[in-house]
């Protein structure tokens, strides 16, 4: 297992600092950890139909 480069509380603070989330919508530290654990367990693959898509600013954790 690799060492994380950011702690969940740092991710939460950054979401608030960069106005990605408001105080009433920012995920909890435990939610962020759960999302990260779920994503780490999933194999990485790109959709076959369109590799050129990029994430829009509306995507959230």
PDB file of N, CA and C in Angstrom:
ATOM      1  N   UNK A   1       0.846  -1.180   0.000  1.00  0.00           N
ATOM      2  CA  UNK A   1       0.000   0.000   0.000  1.00  0.00           C
ATOM      3  C   UNK A   1       0.888   1.240   0.000  1.00  0.00           C
ATOM      4  N   UNK A   2       0.559   2.189  -0.851  1.00  0.00           N
ATOM      5  CA  UNK A   2       1.346   3.411  -0.940  1.00  0.00           C
ATOM      6  C   UNK A   2       0.907   4.399   0.128  1.00  0.00           C
ATOM      7  N   UNK A   3       1.844   5.274   0.527  1.00  0.00           N
ATOM      8  CA  UNK A   3       1.502   6.334   1.474  1.00  0.00           C
ATOM      9  C   UNK A   3       0.687   7.399   0.764  1.00  0.00           C
ATOM     10  N   UNK A   4      -0.342   7.897   1.416  1.00  0.00           N
ATOM     11  CA  UNK A   4      -1.138   8.953   0.778  1.00  0.00           C
ATOM     12  C   UNK A   4      -0.341  10.250   0.690  1.00  0.00           C
ATOM     13  N   UNK A   5      -0.660  11.050  -0.300  1.00  0.00           N
ATOM     14  CA  UNK A   5       0.016  12.335  -0.427  1.00  0.00           C
ATOM     15  C   UNK A   5      -0.767  13.431   0.279  1.00  0.00           C
ATOM     16  N   UNK A   6      -2.022  13.173   0.583  1.00  0.00           N
ATOM     17  CA  UNK A   6      -2.862  14.118   1.332  1.00  0.00           C
ATOM     18  C   UNK A   6      -3.717  13.336   2.317  1.00  0.00           C
ATOM     19  N   UNK A   7      -3.927  13.923   3.467  1.00  0.00           N
ATOM     20  CA  UNK A   7      -4.845  13.341   4.436  1.00  0.00           C
ATOM     21  C   UNK A   7      -6.263  13.771   4.082  1.00  0.00           C
ATOM     22  N   UNK A   8      -7.232  12.993   4.537  1.00  0.00           N
ATOM     23  CA  UNK A   8      -8.630  13.308   4.235  1.00  0.00           C
ATOM     24  C   UNK A   8      -9.022  14.682   4.771  1.00  0.00           C
ATOM     25  N   UNK A   9      -8.515  15.049   5.941  1.00  0.00           N
ATOM     26  CA  UNK A   9      -8.857  16.368   6.490  1.00  0.00           C
ATOM     27  C   UNK A   9      -8.266  17.481   5.639  1.00  0.00           C
ATOM     28  N   UNK A  10      -7.115  17.211   4.989  1.00  0.00           N
ATOM     29  CA  UNK A  10      -6.528  18.208   4.088  1.00  0.00           C
ATOM     30  C   UNK A  10      -7.385  18.364   2.830  1.00  0.00           C
ATOM     31  N   UNK A  11      -7.904  17.253   2.334  1.00  0.00           N
ATOM     32  CA  UNK A  11      -8.796  17.302   1.170  1.00  0.00           C
ATOM     33  C   UNK A  11     -10.046  18.099   1.529  1.00  0.00           C
ATOM     34  N   UNK A  12     -10.598  17.828   2.691  1.00  0.00           N
ATOM     35  CA  UNK A  12     -11.798  18.544   3.148  1.00  0.00           C
ATOM     36  C   UNK A  12     -11.522  20.044   3.267  1.00  0.00           C
ATOM     37  N   UNK A  13     -10.401  20.394   3.891  1.00  0.00           N
ATOM     38  CA  UNK A  13     -10.035  21.811   4.024  1.00  0.00           C
ATOM     39  C   UNK A  13      -9.851  22.476   2.669  1.00  0.00           C
ATOM     40  N   UNK A  14      -9.262  21.740   1.738  1.00  0.00           N
ATOM     41  CA  UNK A  14      -9.034  22.313   0.406  1.00  0.00           C
ATOM     42  C   UNK A  14     -10.343  22.515  -0.353  1.00  0.00           C
ATOM     43  N   UNK A  15     -11.271  21.576  -0.214  1.00  0.00           N
ATOM     44  CA  UNK A  15     -12.588  21.735  -0.840  1.00  0.00           C
ATOM     45  C   UNK A  15     -13.270  23.007  -0.343  1.00  0.00           C
ATOM     46  N   UNK A  16     -13.114  23.289   0.937  1.00  0.00           N
ATOM     47  CA  UNK A  16     -13.687  24.510   1.506  1.00  0.00           C
ATOM     48  C   UNK A  16     -12.919  25.748   1.060  1.00  0.00           C
ATOM     49  N   UNK A  17     -11.592  25.685   1.117  1.00  0.00           N
ATOM     50  CA  UNK A  17     -10.757  26.845   0.781  1.00  0.00           C
ATOM     51  C   UNK A  17     -10.925  27.272  -0.673  1.00  0.00           C
ATOM     52  N   UNK A  18     -11.116  26.300  -1.563  1.00  0.00           N
ATOM     53  CA  UNK A  18     -11.249  26.608  -2.986  1.00  0.00           C
ATOM     54  C   UNK A  18     -12.718  26.767  -3.401  1.00  0.00           C
ATOM     55  N   UNK A  19     -13.594  26.843  -2.425  1.00  0.00           N
ATOM     56  CA  UNK A  19     -15.035  27.045  -2.647  1.00  0.00           C
ATOM     57  C   UNK A  19     -15.658  25.990  -3.557  1.00  0.00           C
ATOM     58  N   UNK A  20     -15.126  24.778  -3.501  1.00  0.00           N
ATOM     59  CA  UNK A  20     -15.726  23.667  -4.238  1.00  0.00           C
ATOM     60  C   UNK A  20     -16.988  23.221  -3.506  1.00  0.00           C
ATOM     61  N   UNK A  21     -16.931  23.250  -2.176  1.00  0.00           N
ATOM     62  CA  UNK A  21     -18.065  22.905  -1.326  1.00  0.00           C
ATOM     63  C   UNK A  21     -18.267  24.009  -0.295  1.00  0.00           C
ATOM     64  N   UNK A  22     -19.492  24.133   0.162  1.00  0.00           N
ATOM     65  CA  UNK A  22     -19.803  25.050   1.257  1.00  0.00           C
ATOM     66  C   UNK A  22     -19.753  24.266   2.568  1.00  0.00           C
ATOM     67  N   UNK A  23     -19.767  24.975   3.684  1.00  0.00           N
ATOM     68  CA  UNK A  23     -19.724  24.312   4.994  1.00  0.00           C
ATOM     69  C   UNK A  23     -20.823  23.274   5.163  1.00  0.00           C
ATOM     70  N   UNK A  24     -21.985  23.544   4.601  1.00  0.00           N
ATOM     71  CA  UNK A  24     -23.100  22.613   4.776  1.00  0.00           C
ATOM     72  C   UNK A  24     -23.133  21.488   3.743  1.00  0.00           C
ATOM     73  N   UNK A  25     -22.223  21.514   2.760  1.00  0.00           N
ATOM     74  CA  UNK A  25     -22.212  20.455   1.741  1.00  0.00           C
ATOM     75  C   UNK A  25     -20.889  19.700   1.661  1.00  0.00           C
ATOM     76  N   UNK A  26     -19.875  20.143   2.383  1.00  0.00           N
ATOM     77  CA  UNK A  26     -18.573  19.478   2.320  1.00  0.00           C
ATOM     78  C   UNK A  26     -18.684  18.090   2.965  1.00  0.00           C
ATOM     79  N   UNK A  27     -18.089  17.065   2.332  1.00  0.00           N
ATOM     80  CA  UNK A  27     -18.170  15.719   2.912  1.00  0.00           C
ATOM     81  C   UNK A  27     -17.347  15.623   4.197  1.00  0.00           C
ATOM     82  N   UNK A  28     -17.734  14.724   5.056  1.00  0.00           N
ATOM     83  CA  UNK A  28     -16.991  14.500   6.292  1.00  0.00           C
ATOM     84  C   UNK A  28     -15.676  13.792   5.971  1.00  0.00           C
ATOM     85  N   UNK A  29     -14.761  13.828   6.929  1.00  0.00           N
ATOM     86  CA  UNK A  29     -13.474  13.146   6.762  1.00  0.00           C
ATOM     87  C   UNK A  29     -13.700  11.649   6.552  1.00  0.00           C
ATOM     88  N   UNK A  30     -14.626  11.066   7.293  1.00  0.00           N
ATOM     89  CA  UNK A  30     -14.885   9.629   7.124  1.00  0.00           C
ATOM     90  C   UNK A  30     -15.469   9.320   5.747  1.00  0.00           C
ATOM     91  N   UNK A  31     -16.305  10.206   5.221  1.00  0.00           N
ATOM     92  CA  UNK A  31     -16.840  10.008   3.868  1.00  0.00           C
ATOM     93  C   UNK A  31     -15.736  10.081   2.825  1.00  0.00           C
ATOM     94  N   UNK A  32     -14.836  11.029   2.980  1.00  0.00           N
ATOM     95  CA  UNK A  32     -13.715  11.157   2.044  1.00  0.00           C
ATOM     96  C   UNK A  32     -12.854   9.904   2.096  1.00  0.00           C
ATOM     97  N   UNK A  33     -12.553   9.411   3.289  1.00  0.00           N
ATOM     98  CA  UNK A  33     -11.766   8.178   3.420  1.00  0.00           C
ATOM     99  C   UNK A  33     -12.474   7.001   2.766  1.00  0.00           C
ATOM    100  N   UNK A  34     -13.789   6.902   2.930  1.00  0.00           N
ATOM    101  CA  UNK A  34     -14.552   5.806   2.321  1.00  0.00           C
ATOM    102  C   UNK A  34     -14.502   5.890   0.796  1.00  0.00           C
ATOM    103  N   UNK A  35     -14.647   7.089   0.254  1.00  0.00           N
ATOM    104  CA  UNK A  35     -14.580   7.284  -1.200  1.00  0.00           C
ATOM    105  C   UNK A  35     -13.208   6.881  -1.723  1.00  0.00           C
ATOM    106  N   UNK A  36     -12.161   7.305  -1.031  1.00  0.00           N
ATOM    107  CA  UNK A  36     -10.796   6.977  -1.459  1.00  0.00           C
ATOM    108  C   UNK A  36     -10.573   5.471  -1.414  1.00  0.00           C
ATOM    109  N   UNK A  37     -10.992   4.824  -0.332  1.00  0.00           N
ATOM    110  CA  UNK A  37     -10.831   3.360  -0.237  1.00  0.00           C
ATOM    111  C   UNK A  37     -11.554   2.655  -1.373  1.00  0.00           C
ATOM    112  N   UNK A  38     -12.760   3.096  -1.688  1.00  0.00           N
ATOM    113  CA  UNK A  38     -13.540   2.492  -2.768  1.00  0.00           C
ATOM    114  C   UNK A  38     -12.841   2.678  -4.106  1.00  0.00           C
ATOM    115  N   UNK A  39     -12.338   3.883  -4.369  1.00  0.00           N
ATOM    116  CA  UNK A  39     -11.671   4.171  -5.639  1.00  0.00           C
ATOM    117  C   UNK A  39     -10.364   3.400  -5.772  1.00  0.00           C
ATOM    118  N   UNK A  40      -9.627   3.244  -4.688  1.00  0.00           N
ATOM    119  CA  UNK A  40      -8.351   2.524  -4.731  1.00  0.00           C
ATOM    120  C   UNK A  40      -8.581   1.052  -5.056  1.00  0.00           C
ATOM    121  N   UNK A  41      -9.683   0.502  -4.599  1.00  0.00           N
ATOM    122  CA  UNK A  41      -9.982  -0.910  -4.832  1.00  0.00           C
ATOM    123  C   UNK A  41     -10.463  -1.192  -6.246  1.00  0.00           C
ATOM    124  N   UNK A  42     -10.937  -0.172  -6.960  1.00  0.00           N
ATOM    125  CA  UNK A  42     -11.442  -0.362  -8.317  1.00  0.00           C
ATOM    126  C   UNK A  42     -10.285  -0.320  -9.314  1.00  0.00           C
ATOM    127  N   UNK A  43     -10.274  -1.237 -10.289  1.00  0.00           N
ATOM    128  CA  UNK A  43      -9.233  -1.171 -11.321  1.00  0.00           C
ATOM    129  C   UNK A  43      -9.443   0.053 -12.206  1.00  0.00           C
ATOM    130  N   UNK A  44      -8.348   0.656 -12.630  1.00  0.00           N
ATOM    131  CA  UNK A  44      -8.419   1.843 -13.473  1.00  0.00           C
ATOM    132  C   UNK A  44      -8.645   1.430 -14.917  1.00  0.00           C
ATOM    133  N   UNK A  45      -9.635   2.042 -15.567  1.00  0.00           N
ATOM    134  CA  UNK A  45      -9.850   1.841 -16.998  1.00  0.00           C
ATOM    135  C   UNK A  45     -10.571   3.052 -17.561  1.00  0.00           C
ATOM    136  N   UNK A  46     -10.266   3.355 -18.803  1.00  0.00           N
ATOM    137  CA  UNK A  46     -10.922   4.458 -19.492  1.00  0.00           C
ATOM    138  C   UNK A  46     -12.082   3.906 -20.307  1.00  0.00           C
ATOM    139  N   UNK A  47     -13.166   4.656 -20.433  1.00  0.00           N
ATOM    140  CA  UNK A  47     -14.264   4.196 -21.288  1.00  0.00           C
ATOM    141  C   UNK A  47     -13.786   4.050 -22.730  1.00  0.00           C
ATOM    142  N   UNK A  48     -14.237   3.016 -23.398  1.00  0.00           N
ATOM    143  CA  UNK A  48     -13.794   2.759 -24.766  1.00  0.00           C
ATOM    144  C   UNK A  48     -14.354   3.759 -25.760  1.00  0.00           C
ATOM    145  N   UNK A  49     -15.535   4.290 -25.490  1.00  0.00           N
ATOM    146  CA  UNK A  49     -16.197   5.136 -26.480  1.00  0.00           C
ATOM    147  C   UNK A  49     -15.567   6.514 -26.649  1.00  0.00           C
ATOM    148  N   UNK A  50     -14.980   7.095 -25.611  1.00  0.00           N
ATOM    149  CA  UNK A  50     -14.453   8.453 -25.737  1.00  0.00           C
ATOM    150  C   UNK A  50     -13.364   8.698 -24.702  1.00  0.00           C
ATOM    151  N   UNK A  51     -12.122   8.687 -25.158  1.00  0.00           N
ATOM    152  CA  UNK A  51     -10.992   8.916 -24.261  1.00  0.00           C
ATOM    153  C   UNK A  51     -10.649  10.391 -24.132  1.00  0.00           C
ATOM    154  N   UNK A  52     -11.297  11.252 -24.891  1.00  0.00           N
ATOM    155  CA  UNK A  52     -10.934  12.667 -24.898  1.00  0.00           C
ATOM    156  C   UNK A  52     -11.741  13.497 -23.912  1.00  0.00           C
ATOM    157  N   UNK A  53     -12.706  12.887 -23.237  1.00  0.00           N
ATOM    158  CA  UNK A  53     -13.532  13.647 -22.295  1.00  0.00           C
ATOM    159  C   UNK A  53     -12.706  14.100 -21.101  1.00  0.00           C
ATOM    160  N   UNK A  54     -13.026  15.275 -20.607  1.00  0.00           N
ATOM    161  CA  UNK A  54     -12.383  15.770 -19.397  1.00  0.00           C
ATOM    162  C   UNK A  54     -13.456  16.031 -18.354  1.00  0.00           C
ATOM    163  N   UNK A  55     -13.037  16.077 -17.107  1.00  0.00           N
ATOM    164  CA  UNK A  55     -13.984  16.354 -16.040  1.00  0.00           C
ATOM    165  C   UNK A  55     -14.368  17.818 -16.053  1.00  0.00           C
ATOM    166  N   UNK A  56     -15.627  18.065 -15.868  1.00  0.00           N
ATOM    167  CA  UNK A  56     -16.080  19.450 -15.779  1.00  0.00           C
ATOM    168  C   UNK A  56     -15.990  19.909 -14.330  1.00  0.00           C
ATOM    169  N   UNK A  57     -15.991  21.207 -14.087  1.00  0.00           N
ATOM    170  CA  UNK A  57     -15.903  21.713 -12.716  1.00  0.00           C
ATOM    171  C   UNK A  57     -17.086  21.317 -11.837  1.00  0.00           C
ATOM    172  N   UNK A  58     -18.136  20.774 -12.445  1.00  0.00           N
ATOM    173  CA  UNK A  58     -19.301  20.393 -11.650  1.00  0.00           C
ATOM    174  C   UNK A  58     -19.152  19.024 -11.016  1.00  0.00           C
ATOM    175  N   UNK A  59     -18.129  18.256 -11.383  1.00  0.00           N
ATOM    176  CA  UNK A  59     -17.927  16.951 -10.770  1.00  0.00           C
ATOM    177  C   UNK A  59     -17.484  17.139  -9.325  1.00  0.00           C
ATOM    178  N   UNK A  60     -18.005  16.289  -8.445  1.00  0.00           N
ATOM    179  CA  UNK A  60     -17.660  16.369  -7.038  1.00  0.00           C
ATOM    180  C   UNK A  60     -17.182  15.024  -6.550  1.00  0.00           C
ATOM    181  N   UNK A  61     -16.637  15.013  -5.377  1.00  0.00           N
ATOM    182  CA  UNK A  61     -16.204  13.772  -4.750  1.00  0.00           C
ATOM    183  C   UNK A  61     -17.364  12.923  -4.368  1.00  0.00           C
TER     184      UNK A  61
END
